[in-house]
């Protein structure tokens, strides 16, 4: 199910969006959905790098599989 949202775009960006949509014979919505979906891969990498950095700094507590199993009563 799709939901409507409102966004504000710079006029140049909106013009570029319209040009791409026209060239591809697609809607603005289609182009925006594809762009956001593709950017999620980049965001996943950024978040993973951030989490690794926090782990290396010792700012995150880690647990072994055995500790988790014991805590859950699975061992």
Protein backbone atom coordinates (compact mmCIF):
# COMPACT_ATOMS: atom_id res chain seq x y z
CA UNK A 1 0.00 0.00 0.00
CA UNK A 2 1.43 3.35 -0.97
CA UNK A 3 1.08 6.48 1.14
CA UNK A 4 1.45 10.05 -0.02
CA UNK A 5 4.12 12.34 1.43
CA UNK A 6 5.03 15.95 0.79
CA UNK A 7 8.62 16.99 0.08
CA UNK A 8 10.30 20.21 -0.94
CA UNK A 9 12.94 20.07 -3.66
CA UNK A 10 15.28 22.66 -5.06
CA UNK A 11 14.01 23.88 -8.43
CA UNK A 12 17.06 22.56 -10.27
CA UNK A 13 16.69 19.13 -8.68
CA UNK A 14 13.00 19.06 -9.53
CA UNK A 15 13.77 20.03 -13.11
CA UNK A 16 16.33 17.22 -13.34
CA UNK A 17 13.78 14.82 -11.89
CA UNK A 18 11.21 15.85 -14.46
CA UNK A 19 13.73 15.50 -17.29
CA UNK A 20 14.68 11.98 -16.22
CA UNK A 21 11.04 11.00 -15.79
CA UNK A 22 10.18 12.30 -19.24
CA UNK A 23 13.17 10.61 -20.86
CA UNK A 24 12.30 7.29 -19.25
CA UNK A 25 8.55 7.74 -19.72
CA UNK A 26 8.05 7.20 -15.99
CA UNK A 27 6.52 9.22 -13.17
CA UNK A 28 8.31 11.35 -10.62
CA UNK A 29 7.19 8.82 -8.02
CA UNK A 30 8.82 5.95 -9.89
CA UNK A 31 12.16 7.79 -10.14
CA UNK A 32 12.08 8.88 -6.49
CA UNK A 33 11.21 5.34 -5.30
CA UNK A 34 14.10 3.87 -7.31
CA UNK A 35 16.52 6.53 -6.04
CA UNK A 36 15.57 6.00 -2.41
CA UNK A 37 15.75 2.23 -2.76
CA UNK A 38 19.23 2.44 -4.30
CA UNK A 39 20.40 4.85 -1.59
CA UNK A 40 19.32 2.43 1.14
CA UNK A 41 22.27 0.21 0.14
CA UNK A 42 24.61 3.15 0.77
CA UNK A 43 22.93 3.90 4.10
CA UNK A 44 23.31 0.24 5.14
CA UNK A 45 27.06 0.51 4.52
CA UNK A 46 27.33 3.79 6.45
CA UNK A 47 25.45 2.32 9.42
CA UNK A 48 27.53 -0.88 9.35
CA UNK A 49 30.75 1.17 9.33
CA UNK A 50 29.46 3.26 12.25
CA UNK A 51 28.62 0.13 14.23
CA UNK A 52 32.04 -1.39 13.51
CA UNK A 53 33.74 1.83 14.66
CA UNK A 54 31.71 1.81 17.89
CA UNK A 55 32.65 -1.83 18.44
CA UNK A 56 36.35 -1.09 17.88
CA UNK A 57 36.20 1.83 20.34
CA UNK A 58 34.72 -0.47 22.96
CA UNK A 59 31.52 1.55 23.19
CA UNK A 60 29.34 -1.51 22.56
CA UNK A 61 28.93 -4.52 24.79
CA UNK A 62 29.12 -7.83 22.96
CA UNK A 63 27.94 -11.29 23.92
CA UNK A 64 29.01 -14.70 22.70
CA UNK A 65 26.49 -17.10 21.25
CA UNK A 66 26.91 -19.28 24.32
CA UNK A 67 26.12 -16.32 26.62
CA UNK A 68 22.96 -15.50 24.68
CA UNK A 69 21.84 -19.13 24.64
CA UNK A 70 22.41 -19.41 28.39
CA UNK A 71 20.52 -16.17 29.07
CA UNK A 72 17.60 -17.45 27.01
CA UNK A 73 17.69 -20.83 28.71
CA UNK A 74 18.64 -22.63 25.52
CA UNK A 75 21.81 -24.30 26.69
